[in-house]
C-alpha atoms as a PDB file:
ATOM      1  CA  MET A   1      -5.734   5.807   9.178  1.00  0.00           C
ATOM      2  CA  ASP A   2      -4.886   5.181  12.790  1.00  0.00           C
ATOM      3  CA  LYS A   3      -1.546   6.409  14.107  1.00  0.00           C
ATOM      4  CA  ASN A   4      -0.609   2.815  14.963  1.00  0.00           C
ATOM      5  CA  ASP A   5      -1.254   1.453  11.462  1.00  0.00           C
ATOM      6  CA  GLY A   6       2.307   2.166  10.340  1.00  0.00           C
ATOM      7  CA  LYS A   7       3.841   0.584  13.414  1.00  0.00           C
ATOM      8  CA  ASP A   8       1.577  -2.472  13.196  1.00  0.00           C
ATOM      9  CA  GLY A   9       2.293  -2.837   9.482  1.00  0.00           C
ATOM     10  CA  ALA A  10       6.035  -2.648  10.097  1.00  0.00           C
ATOM     11  CA  ARG A  11       5.717  -5.271  12.812  1.00  0.00           C
ATOM     12  CA  ARG A  12       3.824  -7.604  10.459  1.00  0.00           C
ATOM     13  CA  TYR A  13       6.368  -7.116   7.688  1.00  0.00           C
ATOM     14  CA  GLY A  14       9.117  -7.901  10.161  1.00  0.00           C
ATOM     15  CA  GLU A  15       7.353 -11.053  11.331  1.00  0.00           C
ATOM     16  CA  ILE A  16       7.161 -12.393   7.789  1.00  0.00           C
ATOM     17  CA  GLY A  17      10.764 -11.441   7.048  1.00  0.00           C
ATOM     18  CA  LEU A  18      10.385  -8.543   4.595  1.00  0.00           C
ATOM     19  CA  ILE A  19      12.028  -5.898   6.787  1.00  0.00           C
ATOM     20  CA  GLN A  20      14.469  -5.794   9.671  1.00  0.00           C
ATOM     21  CA  ARG A  21      14.054  -3.314  12.524  1.00  0.00           C
ATOM     22  CA  LYS A  22      16.997  -1.855  14.418  1.00  0.00           C
ATOM     23  CA  ASP A  23      16.325  -0.214  17.777  1.00  0.00           C
ATOM     24  CA  PHE A  24      19.065   2.180  18.848  1.00  0.00           C
ATOM     25  CA  GLY A  25      17.928   2.105  22.497  1.00  0.00           C
ATOM     26  CA  THR A  26      17.953   5.879  22.833  1.00  0.00           C
ATOM     27  CA  VAL A  27      15.695   8.486  24.360  1.00  0.00           C
ATOM     28  CA  PRO A  28      13.862   9.786  22.449  1.00  0.00           C
ATOM     29  CA  PRO A  29      13.337   6.465  20.690  1.00  0.00           C
ATOM     30  CA  LYS A  30      15.170   5.963  17.424  1.00  0.00           C
ATOM     31  CA  VAL A  31      14.648   3.000  15.117  1.00  0.00           C
ATOM     32  CA  SER A  32      15.553   2.246  11.543  1.00  0.00           C
ATOM     33  CA  TYR A  33      14.206  -0.265   9.069  1.00  0.00           C
ATOM     34  CA  ARG A  34      15.812  -1.976   6.120  1.00  0.00           C
ATOM     35  CA  LEU A  35      14.696  -4.510   3.581  1.00  0.00           C
ATOM     36  CA  THR A  36      15.877  -8.054   4.122  1.00  0.00           C
ATOM     37  CA  PRO A  37      17.034 -10.093   1.125  1.00  0.00           C
ATOM     38  CA  LEU A  38      13.472 -11.464   0.934  1.00  0.00           C
ATOM     39  CA  GLY A  39      12.110  -7.906   0.978  1.00  0.00           C
ATOM     40  CA  GLU A  40      14.507  -6.886  -1.789  1.00  0.00           C
ATOM     41  CA  ARG A  41      13.265  -9.792  -3.921  1.00  0.00           C
ATOM     42  CA  PHE A  42       9.706  -8.513  -3.384  1.00  0.00           C
ATOM     43  CA  VAL A  43      10.436  -5.044  -4.853  1.00  0.00           C
ATOM     44  CA  PRO A  44       9.771  -6.110  -8.490  1.00  0.00           C
ATOM     45  CA  VAL A  45       6.342  -7.391  -7.416  1.00  0.00           C
ATOM     46  CA  ILE A  46       5.486  -4.039  -5.817  1.00  0.00           C
ATOM     47  CA  ASN A  47       6.744  -2.187  -8.893  1.00  0.00           C
ATOM     48  CA  SER A  48       4.558  -4.340 -11.155  1.00  0.00           C
ATOM     49  CA  ILE A  49       1.491  -3.637  -9.019  1.00  0.00           C
ATOM     50  CA  ARG A  50       2.279   0.100  -9.049  1.00  0.00           C
ATOM     51  CA  LYS A  51       2.659   0.109 -12.841  1.00  0.00           C
ATOM     52  CA  TRP A  52      -0.603  -1.791 -13.260  1.00  0.00           C
ATOM     53  CA  GLY A  53      -2.383   0.719 -11.037  1.00  0.00           C
ATOM     54  CA  THR A  54      -0.946   3.643 -12.976  1.00  0.00           C
ATOM     55  CA  ARG A  55      -2.218   2.165 -16.233  1.00  0.00           C
ATOM     56  CA  HIS A  56      -5.639   0.967 -15.056  1.00  0.00           C
ATOM     57  CA  LEU A  57      -6.862   3.093 -12.178  1.00  0.00           C
ATOM     58  CA  SER A  58      -8.168   6.611 -12.455  1.00  0.00           C
ATOM     59  CA  VAL A  59      -6.999   9.157  -9.893  1.00  0.00           C
ATOM     60  CA  THR A  60     -10.228  11.164 -10.055  1.00  0.00           C
ATOM     61  CA  ALA A  61     -12.428  10.985  -6.994  1.00  0.00           C
END
C-alpha cells in the first residue's frame, strides 16, 4: 500500500459526498474527517459486507 492511498481514498470519498474534511490550517497540518449524512446511511451497507466476509471468507493465508 502506498503512503498516499489513504489520502487519495479520503479525497475520493469526499468528492462523492461520503465524508467531510476539515482543515484546521495549522502547522504541523491537522485535519479531521467526519461522515456526512450520506456516509452515515452507507454504514449498514459496510456492516453487511463485513458480516458476509466474516461468514464466508477464511482468514488463513
